[in-house]
PDB file of N, CA and C in Angstrom:
ATOM      1  N   MET A   1     129.974  69.787 153.220  1.00  0.00           N
ATOM      2  CA  MET A   1     129.358  69.308 154.444  1.00  0.00           C
ATOM      3  C   MET A   1     130.357  68.442 155.185  1.00  0.00           C
ATOM      4  N   MET A   2     130.498  68.673 156.479  1.00  0.00           N
ATOM      5  CA  MET A   2     131.471  67.940 157.269  1.00  0.00           C
ATOM      6  C   MET A   2     130.846  66.651 157.798  1.00  0.00           C
ATOM      7  N   TYR A   3     131.557  65.550 157.613  1.00  0.00           N
ATOM      8  CA  TYR A   3     131.112  64.261 158.108  1.00  0.00           C
ATOM      9  C   TYR A   3     131.621  64.066 159.532  1.00  0.00           C
ATOM     10  N   ILE A   4     130.743  63.732 160.432  1.00  0.00           N
ATOM     11  CA  ILE A   4     131.134  63.443 161.807  1.00  0.00           C
ATOM     12  C   ILE A   4     131.042  61.937 161.986  1.00  0.00           C
ATOM     13  N   GLY A   5     132.180  61.317 162.171  1.00  0.00           N
ATOM     14  CA  GLY A   5     132.243  59.873 162.292  1.00  0.00           C
ATOM     15  C   GLY A   5     131.803  59.395 163.659  1.00  0.00           C
ATOM     16  N   PRO A   6     131.677  58.090 163.805  1.00  0.00           N
ATOM     17  CA  PRO A   6     131.229  57.530 165.084  1.00  0.00           C
ATOM     18  C   PRO A   6     132.230  57.774 166.215  1.00  0.00           C
ATOM     19  N   GLU A   7     133.511  57.961 165.877  1.00  0.00           N
ATOM     20  CA  GLU A   7     134.495  58.210 166.926  1.00  0.00           C
ATOM     21  C   GLU A   7     134.281  59.558 167.599  1.00  0.00           C
ATOM     22  N   VAL A   8     133.546  60.456 166.953  1.00  0.00           N
ATOM     23  CA  VAL A   8     133.213  61.751 167.543  1.00  0.00           C
ATOM     24  C   VAL A   8     131.769  61.737 168.031  1.00  0.00           C
ATOM     25  N   ALA A   9     130.874  61.181 167.248  1.00  0.00           N
ATOM     26  CA  ALA A   9     129.453  61.235 167.571  1.00  0.00           C
ATOM     27  C   ALA A   9     129.110  60.435 168.828  1.00  0.00           C
ATOM     28  N   VAL A  10     129.747  59.290 169.015  1.00  0.00           N
ATOM     29  CA  VAL A  10     129.419  58.447 170.168  1.00  0.00           C
ATOM     30  C   VAL A  10     129.780  59.132 171.486  1.00  0.00           C
ATOM     31  N   PRO A  11     131.009  59.643 171.659  1.00  0.00           N
ATOM     32  CA  PRO A  11     131.302  60.317 172.934  1.00  0.00           C
ATOM     33  C   PRO A  11     130.441  61.560 173.176  1.00  0.00           C
ATOM     34  N   VAL A  12     130.182  62.332 172.128  1.00  0.00           N
ATOM     35  CA  VAL A  12     129.344  63.519 172.294  1.00  0.00           C
ATOM     36  C   VAL A  12     127.939  63.104 172.712  1.00  0.00           C
ATOM     37  N   SER A  13     127.401  62.073 172.083  1.00  0.00           N
ATOM     38  CA  SER A  13     126.072  61.580 172.446  1.00  0.00           C
ATOM     39  C   SER A  13     126.048  61.070 173.880  1.00  0.00           C
ATOM     40  N   MET A  14     127.126  60.384 174.276  1.00  0.00           N
ATOM     41  CA  MET A  14     127.201  59.852 175.633  1.00  0.00           C
ATOM     42  C   MET A  14     127.176  60.985 176.659  1.00  0.00           C
ATOM     43  N   PHE A  15     127.999  62.028 176.446  1.00  0.00           N
ATOM     44  CA  PHE A  15     128.001  63.150 177.374  1.00  0.00           C
ATOM     45  C   PHE A  15     126.655  63.870 177.375  1.00  0.00           C
ATOM     46  N   GLY A  16     126.025  63.960 176.210  1.00  0.00           N
ATOM     47  CA  GLY A  16     124.712  64.586 176.138  1.00  0.00           C
ATOM     48  C   GLY A  16     123.664  63.813 176.924  1.00  0.00           C
ATOM     49  N   MET A  17     123.693  62.477 176.795  1.00  0.00           N
ATOM     50  CA  MET A  17     122.734  61.662 177.538  1.00  0.00           C
ATOM     51  C   MET A  17     122.966  61.778 179.037  1.00  0.00           C
ATOM     52  N   ILE A  18     124.233  61.795 179.454  1.00  0.00           N
ATOM     53  CA  ILE A  18     124.531  61.941 180.877  1.00  0.00           C
ATOM     54  C   ILE A  18     124.014  63.275 181.389  1.00  0.00           C
ATOM     55  N   ALA A  19     124.229  64.332 180.607  1.00  0.00           N
ATOM     56  CA  ALA A  19     123.745  65.654 181.014  1.00  0.00           C
ATOM     57  C   ALA A  19     122.220  65.664 181.138  1.00  0.00           C
ATOM     58  N   VAL A  20     121.539  65.040 180.190  1.00  0.00           N
ATOM     59  CA  VAL A  20     120.076  64.995 180.236  1.00  0.00           C
ATOM     60  C   VAL A  20     119.605  64.209 181.457  1.00  0.00           C
ATOM     61  N   LEU A  21     120.270  63.094 181.754  1.00  0.00           N
ATOM     62  CA  LEU A  21     119.884  62.297 182.926  1.00  0.00           C
ATOM     63  C   LEU A  21     120.107  63.067 184.222  1.00  0.00           C
ATOM     64  N   VAL A  22     121.247  63.733 184.339  1.00  0.00           N
ATOM     65  CA  VAL A  22     121.530  64.491 185.560  1.00  0.00           C
ATOM     66  C   VAL A  22     120.533  65.624 185.721  1.00  0.00           C
ATOM     67  N   ILE A  23     120.305  66.363 184.650  1.00  0.00           N
ATOM     68  CA  ILE A  23     119.361  67.481 184.723  1.00  0.00           C
ATOM     69  C   ILE A  23     117.952  66.970 185.009  1.00  0.00           C
ATOM     70  N   GLY A  24     117.583  65.866 184.370  1.00  0.00           N
ATOM     71  CA  GLY A  24     116.252  65.301 184.584  1.00  0.00           C
ATOM     72  C   GLY A  24     116.035  64.840 186.008  1.00  0.00           C
ATOM     73  N   THR A  25     117.022  64.157 186.591  1.00  0.00           N
ATOM     74  CA  THR A  25     116.856  63.701 187.975  1.00  0.00           C
ATOM     75  C   THR A  25     116.819  64.878 188.934  1.00  0.00           C
ATOM     76  N   LYS A  26     117.624  65.896 188.682  1.00  0.00           N
ATOM     77  CA  LYS A  26     117.578  67.081 189.546  1.00  0.00           C
ATOM     78  C   LYS A  26     116.224  67.793 189.417  1.00  0.00           C
ATOM     79  N   TRP A  27     115.704  67.843 188.199  1.00  0.00           N
ATOM     80  CA  TRP A  27     114.426  68.505 187.978  1.00  0.00           C
ATOM     81  C   TRP A  27     113.301  67.738 188.667  1.00  0.00           C
ATOM     82  N   ILE A  28     113.322  66.406 188.558  1.00  0.00           N
ATOM     83  CA  ILE A  28     112.291  65.595 189.215  1.00  0.00           C
ATOM     84  C   ILE A  28     112.393  65.751 190.725  1.00  0.00           C
ATOM     85  N   GLY A  29     113.612  65.739 191.247  1.00  0.00           N
ATOM     86  CA  GLY A  29     113.791  65.937 192.680  1.00  0.00           C
ATOM     87  C   GLY A  29     113.298  67.301 193.123  1.00  0.00           C
ATOM     88  N   TYR A  30     113.527  68.291 192.294  1.00  0.00           N
ATOM     89  CA  TYR A  30     113.063  69.643 192.610  1.00  0.00           C
ATOM     90  C   TYR A  30     111.533  69.695 192.632  1.00  0.00           C
ATOM     91  N   LYS A  31     110.911  69.054 191.651  1.00  0.00           N
ATOM     92  CA  LYS A  31     109.456  69.077 191.567  1.00  0.00           C
ATOM     93  C   LYS A  31     108.821  68.313 192.735  1.00  0.00           C
ATOM     94  N   ARG A  32     109.481  67.247 193.205  1.00  0.00           N
ATOM     95  CA  ARG A  32     108.915  66.435 194.286  1.00  0.00           C
ATOM     96  C   ARG A  32     109.063  67.092 195.654  1.00  0.00           C
ATOM     97  N   SER A  33     110.093  67.885 195.825  1.00  0.00           N
ATOM     98  CA  SER A  33     110.300  68.488 197.146  1.00  0.00           C
ATOM     99  C   SER A  33     109.391  69.702 197.297  1.00  0.00           C
ATOM    100  N   SER A  34     108.676  69.713 198.376  1.00  0.00           N
ATOM    101  CA  SER A  34     107.744  70.821 198.593  1.00  0.00           C
ATOM    102  C   SER A  34     108.440  72.018 199.234  1.00  0.00           C
ATOM    103  N   SER A  35     109.641  71.797 199.763  1.00  0.00           N
ATOM    104  CA  SER A  35     110.331  72.892 200.445  1.00  0.00           C
ATOM    105  C   SER A  35     111.272  73.660 199.516  1.00  0.00           C
ATOM    106  N   ALA A  36     111.233  73.357 198.230  1.00  0.00           N
ATOM    107  CA  ALA A  36     112.122  74.041 197.291  1.00  0.00           C
ATOM    108  C   ALA A  36     111.647  75.477 197.107  1.00  0.00           C
ATOM    109  N   GLY A  37     112.533  76.403 197.424  1.00  0.00           N
ATOM    110  CA  GLY A  37     112.185  77.812 197.317  1.00  0.00           C
ATOM    111  C   GLY A  37     112.970  78.465 196.201  1.00  0.00           C
ATOM    112  N   PRO A  38     112.933  79.772 196.182  1.00  0.00           N
ATOM    113  CA  PRO A  38     113.651  80.514 195.134  1.00  0.00           C
ATOM    114  C   PRO A  38     115.159  80.286 195.168  1.00  0.00           C
ATOM    115  N   GLU A  39     115.719  80.033 196.371  1.00  0.00           N
ATOM    116  CA  GLU A  39     117.159  79.791 196.460  1.00  0.00           C
ATOM    117  C   GLU A  39     117.540  78.517 195.713  1.00  0.00           C
ATOM    118  N   ALA A  40     116.711  77.487 195.846  1.00  0.00           N
ATOM    119  CA  ALA A  40     116.989  76.227 195.159  1.00  0.00           C
ATOM    120  C   ALA A  40     116.920  76.414 193.647  1.00  0.00           C
ATOM    121  N   LEU A  41     115.977  77.202 193.196  1.00  0.00           N
ATOM    122  CA  LEU A  41     115.846  77.457 191.760  1.00  0.00           C
ATOM    123  C   LEU A  41     117.053  78.230 191.235  1.00  0.00           C
ATOM    124  N   GLU A  42     117.504  79.225 191.980  1.00  0.00           N
ATOM    125  CA  GLU A  42     118.683  79.981 191.574  1.00  0.00           C
ATOM    126  C   GLU A  42     119.919  79.092 191.536  1.00  0.00           C
ATOM    127  N   SER A  43     120.032  78.219 192.532  1.00  0.00           N
ATOM    128  CA  SER A  43     121.165  77.293 192.575  1.00  0.00           C
ATOM    129  C   SER A  43     121.143  76.366 191.364  1.00  0.00           C
ATOM    130  N   LEU A  44     119.965  75.863 191.043  1.00  0.00           N
ATOM    131  CA  LEU A  44     119.833  74.981 189.889  1.00  0.00           C
ATOM    132  C   LEU A  44     120.165  75.721 188.594  1.00  0.00           C
ATOM    133  N   GLU A  45     119.732  76.949 188.480  1.00  0.00           N
ATOM    134  CA  GLU A  45     120.033  77.737 187.280  1.00  0.00           C
ATOM    135  C   GLU A  45     121.535  77.963 187.136  1.00  0.00           C
ATOM    136  N   ARG A  46     122.222  78.235 188.247  1.00  0.00           N
ATOM    137  CA  ARG A  46     123.677  78.417 188.198  1.00  0.00           C
ATOM    138  C   ARG A  46     124.369  77.130 187.768  1.00  0.00           C
ATOM    139  N   ARG A  47     123.900  76.014 188.301  1.00  0.00           N
ATOM    140  CA  ARG A  47     124.504  74.728 187.940  1.00  0.00           C
ATOM    141  C   ARG A  47     124.268  74.414 186.467  1.00  0.00           C
ATOM    142  N   LEU A  48     123.072  74.691 185.984  1.00  0.00           N
ATOM    143  CA  LEU A  48     122.782  74.453 184.574  1.00  0.00           C
ATOM    144  C   LEU A  48     123.638  75.347 183.683  1.00  0.00           C
ATOM    145  N   ALA A  49     123.881  76.561 184.119  1.00  0.00           N
ATOM    146  CA  ALA A  49     124.736  77.461 183.347  1.00  0.00           C
ATOM    147  C   ALA A  49     126.156  76.908 183.278  1.00  0.00           C
ATOM    148  N   ARG A  50     126.649  76.355 184.386  1.00  0.00           N
ATOM    149  CA  ARG A  50     127.994  75.761 184.381  1.00  0.00           C
ATOM    150  C   ARG A  50     128.047  74.528 183.477  1.00  0.00           C
ATOM    151  N   VAL A  51     126.995  73.724 183.505  1.00  0.00           N
ATOM    152  CA  VAL A  51     126.953  72.546 182.627  1.00  0.00           C
ATOM    153  C   VAL A  51     126.940  72.988 181.171  1.00  0.00           C
ATOM    154  N   GLU A  52     126.191  74.026 180.867  1.00  0.00           N
ATOM    155  CA  GLU A  52     126.127  74.529 179.497  1.00  0.00           C
ATOM    156  C   GLU A  52     127.496  75.003 179.019  1.00  0.00           C
ATOM    157  N   VAL A  53     128.207  75.728 179.868  1.00  0.00           N
ATOM    158  CA  VAL A  53     129.546  76.209 179.512  1.00  0.00           C
ATOM    159  C   VAL A  53     130.488  75.028 179.309  1.00  0.00           C
ATOM    160  N   ALA A  54     130.401  74.035 180.197  1.00  0.00           N
ATOM    161  CA  ALA A  54     131.276  72.866 180.076  1.00  0.00           C
ATOM    162  C   ALA A  54     130.999  72.109 178.776  1.00  0.00           C
ATOM    163  N   LEU A  55     129.734  71.954 178.415  1.00  0.00           N
ATOM    164  CA  LEU A  55     129.403  71.255 177.171  1.00  0.00           C
ATOM    165  C   LEU A  55     129.850  72.051 175.950  1.00  0.00           C
ATOM    166  N   ASP A  56     129.745  73.364 176.003  1.00  0.00           N
ATOM    167  CA  ASP A  56     130.236  74.194 174.902  1.00  0.00           C
ATOM    168  C   ASP A  56     131.746  74.042 174.747  1.00  0.00           C
ATOM    169  N   ASP A  57     132.460  74.059 175.868  1.00  0.00           N
ATOM    170  CA  ASP A  57     133.913  73.880 175.821  1.00  0.00           C
ATOM    171  C   ASP A  57     134.271  72.504 175.263  1.00  0.00           C
ATOM    172  N   LEU A  58     133.537  71.496 175.710  1.00  0.00           N
ATOM    173  CA  LEU A  58     133.804  70.134 175.245  1.00  0.00           C
ATOM    174  C   LEU A  58     133.560  70.007 173.747  1.00  0.00           C
ATOM    175  N   SER A  59     132.488  70.597 173.257  1.00  0.00           N
ATOM    176  CA  SER A  59     132.210  70.504 171.818  1.00  0.00           C
ATOM    177  C   SER A  59     133.286  71.225 171.009  1.00  0.00           C
ATOM    178  N   GLY A  60     133.797  72.327 171.534  1.00  0.00           N
ATOM    179  CA  GLY A  60     134.890  73.025 170.847  1.00  0.00           C
ATOM    180  C   GLY A  60     136.152  72.187 170.778  1.00  0.00           C
ATOM    181  N   GLU A  61     136.473  71.508 171.869  1.00  0.00           N
ATOM    182  CA  GLU A  61     137.664  70.656 171.890  1.00  0.00           C
ATOM    183  C   GLU A  61     137.496  69.468 170.947  1.00  0.00           C
ATOM    184  N   ILE A  62     136.311  68.905 170.910  1.00  0.00           N
ATOM    185  CA  ILE A  62     136.066  67.772 170.006  1.00  0.00           C
ATOM    186  C   ILE A  62     136.178  68.228 168.558  1.00  0.00           C
ATOM    187  N   ALA A  63     135.725  69.425 168.261  1.00  0.00           N
ATOM    188  CA  ALA A  63     135.857  69.960 166.899  1.00  0.00           C
ATOM    189  C   ALA A  63     137.333  70.124 166.530  1.00  0.00           C
ATOM    190  N   LYS A  64     138.143  70.579 167.490  1.00  0.00           N
ATOM    191  CA  LYS A  64     139.584  70.713 167.236  1.00  0.00           C
ATOM    192  C   LYS A  64     140.226  69.364 166.959  1.00  0.00           C
ATOM    193  N   ILE A  65     139.808  68.346 167.683  1.00  0.00           N
ATOM    194  CA  ILE A  65     140.340  66.995 167.452  1.00  0.00           C
ATOM    195  C   ILE A  65     139.999  66.543 166.043  1.00  0.00           C
ATOM    196  N   GLY A  66     138.762  66.777 165.624  1.00  0.00           N
ATOM    197  CA  GLY A  66     138.343  66.395 164.271  1.00  0.00           C
ATOM    198  C   GLY A  66     139.133  67.133 163.206  1.00  0.00           C
ATOM    199  N   GLU A  67     139.387  68.418 163.429  1.00  0.00           N
ATOM    200  CA  GLU A  67     140.178  69.192 162.462  1.00  0.00           C
ATOM    201  C   GLU A  67     141.599  68.662 162.380  1.00  0.00           C
ATOM    202  N   GLY A  68     142.163  68.289 163.524  1.00  0.00           N
ATOM    203  CA  GLY A  68     143.508  67.719 163.530  1.00  0.00           C
ATOM    204  C   GLY A  68     143.563  66.404 162.782  1.00  0.00           C
ATOM    205  N   GLN A  69     142.561  65.573 162.957  1.00  0.00           N
ATOM    206  CA  GLN A  69     142.508  64.297 162.242  1.00  0.00           C
ATOM    207  C   GLN A  69     142.375  64.524 160.742  1.00  0.00           C
ATOM    208  N   GLN A  70     141.561  65.489 160.352  1.00  0.00           N
ATOM    209  CA  GLN A  70     141.413  65.789 158.923  1.00  0.00           C
ATOM    210  C   GLN A  70     142.728  66.276 158.341  1.00  0.00           C
ATOM    211  N   PHE A  71     143.444  67.127 159.071  1.00  0.00           N
ATOM    212  CA  PHE A  71     144.725  67.637 158.591  1.00  0.00           C
ATOM    213  C   PHE A  71     145.735  66.506 158.431  1.00  0.00           C
ATOM    214  N   LEU A  72     145.834  65.647 159.434  1.00  0.00           N
ATOM    215  CA  LEU A  72     146.789  64.543 159.351  1.00  0.00           C
ATOM    216  C   LEU A  72     146.449  63.587 158.213  1.00  0.00           C
ATOM    217  N   THR A  73     145.176  63.316 158.030  1.00  0.00           N
ATOM    218  CA  THR A  73     144.761  62.446 156.926  1.00  0.00           C
ATOM    219  C   THR A  73     145.144  63.063 155.597  1.00  0.00           C
ATOM    220  N   LYS A  74     144.933  64.370 155.460  1.00  0.00           N
ATOM    221  CA  LYS A  74     145.277  65.079 154.224  1.00  0.00           C
ATOM    222  C   LYS A  74     146.786  65.040 153.989  1.00  0.00           C
ATOM    223  N   VAL A  75     147.570  65.274 155.028  1.00  0.00           N
ATOM    224  CA  VAL A  75     149.024  65.276 154.896  1.00  0.00           C
ATOM    225  C   VAL A  75     149.536  63.885 154.548  1.00  0.00           C
ATOM    226  N   LEU A  76     149.024  62.874 155.228  1.00  0.00           N
ATOM    227  CA  LEU A  76     149.504  61.513 154.983  1.00  0.00           C
ATOM    228  C   LEU A  76     149.024  60.958 153.646  1.00  0.00           C
ATOM    229  N   ALA A  77     147.925  61.469 153.121  1.00  0.00           N
ATOM    230  CA  ALA A  77     147.417  60.999 151.831  1.00  0.00           C
ATOM    231  C   ALA A  77     148.145  61.640 150.662  1.00  0.00           C
ATOM    232  N   ASP A  78     148.832  62.748 150.888  1.00  0.00           N
ATOM    233  CA  ASP A  78     149.561  63.446 149.837  1.00  0.00           C
ATOM    234  C   ASP A  78     150.819  62.647 149.476  1.00  0.00           C
ATOM    235  N   PRO A  79     150.969  62.224 148.204  1.00  0.00           N
ATOM    236  CA  PRO A  79     152.128  61.420 147.827  1.00  0.00           C
ATOM    237  C   PRO A  79     153.452  62.165 147.998  1.00  0.00           C
ATOM    238  N   GLU A  80     153.465  63.459 147.753  1.00  0.00           N
ATOM    239  CA  GLU A  80     154.697  64.235 147.900  1.00  0.00           C
ATOM    240  C   GLU A  80     155.173  64.223 149.352  1.00  0.00           C
ATOM    241  N   THR A  81     154.253  64.404 150.261  1.00  0.00           N
ATOM    242  CA  THR A  81     154.603  64.379 151.683  1.00  0.00           C
ATOM    243  C   THR A  81     155.068  62.995 152.096  1.00  0.00           C
ATOM    244  N   SER A  82     154.413  61.973 151.587  1.00  0.00           N
ATOM    245  CA  SER A  82     154.789  60.601 151.920  1.00  0.00           C
ATOM    246  C   SER A  82     156.220  60.312 151.467  1.00  0.00           C
ATOM    247  N   ARG A  83     156.610  60.798 150.287  1.00  0.00           N
ATOM    248  CA  ARG A  83     157.990  60.574 149.826  1.00  0.00           C
ATOM    249  C   ARG A  83     158.996  61.289 150.702  1.00  0.00           C
ATOM    250  N   ARG A  84     158.645  62.476 151.165  1.00  0.00           N
ATOM    251  CA  ARG A  84     159.579  63.239 152.006  1.00  0.00           C
ATOM    252  C   ARG A  84     159.723  62.596 153.387  1.00  0.00           C
ATOM    253  N   LEU A  85     158.639  62.028 153.902  1.00  0.00           N
ATOM    254  CA  LEU A  85     158.698  61.420 155.220  1.00  0.00           C
ATOM    255  C   LEU A  85     159.422  60.079 155.216  1.00  0.00           C
ATOM    256  N   GLY A  86     159.398  59.429 154.101  1.00  0.00           N
ATOM    257  CA  GLY A  86     160.062  58.132 153.979  1.00  0.00           C
ATOM    258  C   GLY A  86     159.124  56.984 154.361  1.00  0.00           C
ATOM    259  N   PRO A  87     159.655  55.761 154.287  1.00  0.00           N
ATOM    260  CA  PRO A  87     158.803  54.581 154.565  1.00  0.00           C
ATOM    261  C   PRO A  87     158.449  54.439 156.018  1.00  0.00           C
TER     262      PRO A  87
END
């Protein structure tokens, strides 16, 4: 099981909360406006699709950062590697 530390969980949570707030305010604004037609709904769906793609890309990049940190920790913890690198 992979441990996700606070250095990864906090930024991901922050971006998630921002996304929820933006989507929520847009949704409330949409519900309050009586002139919102099918064009507005299509526009909102396109924007949500772009946000979804951006969040997927961001989560992939964060996963790569975590893998890099795990690799470096493993390399630096290895005594043989430490001797080769020097003090």
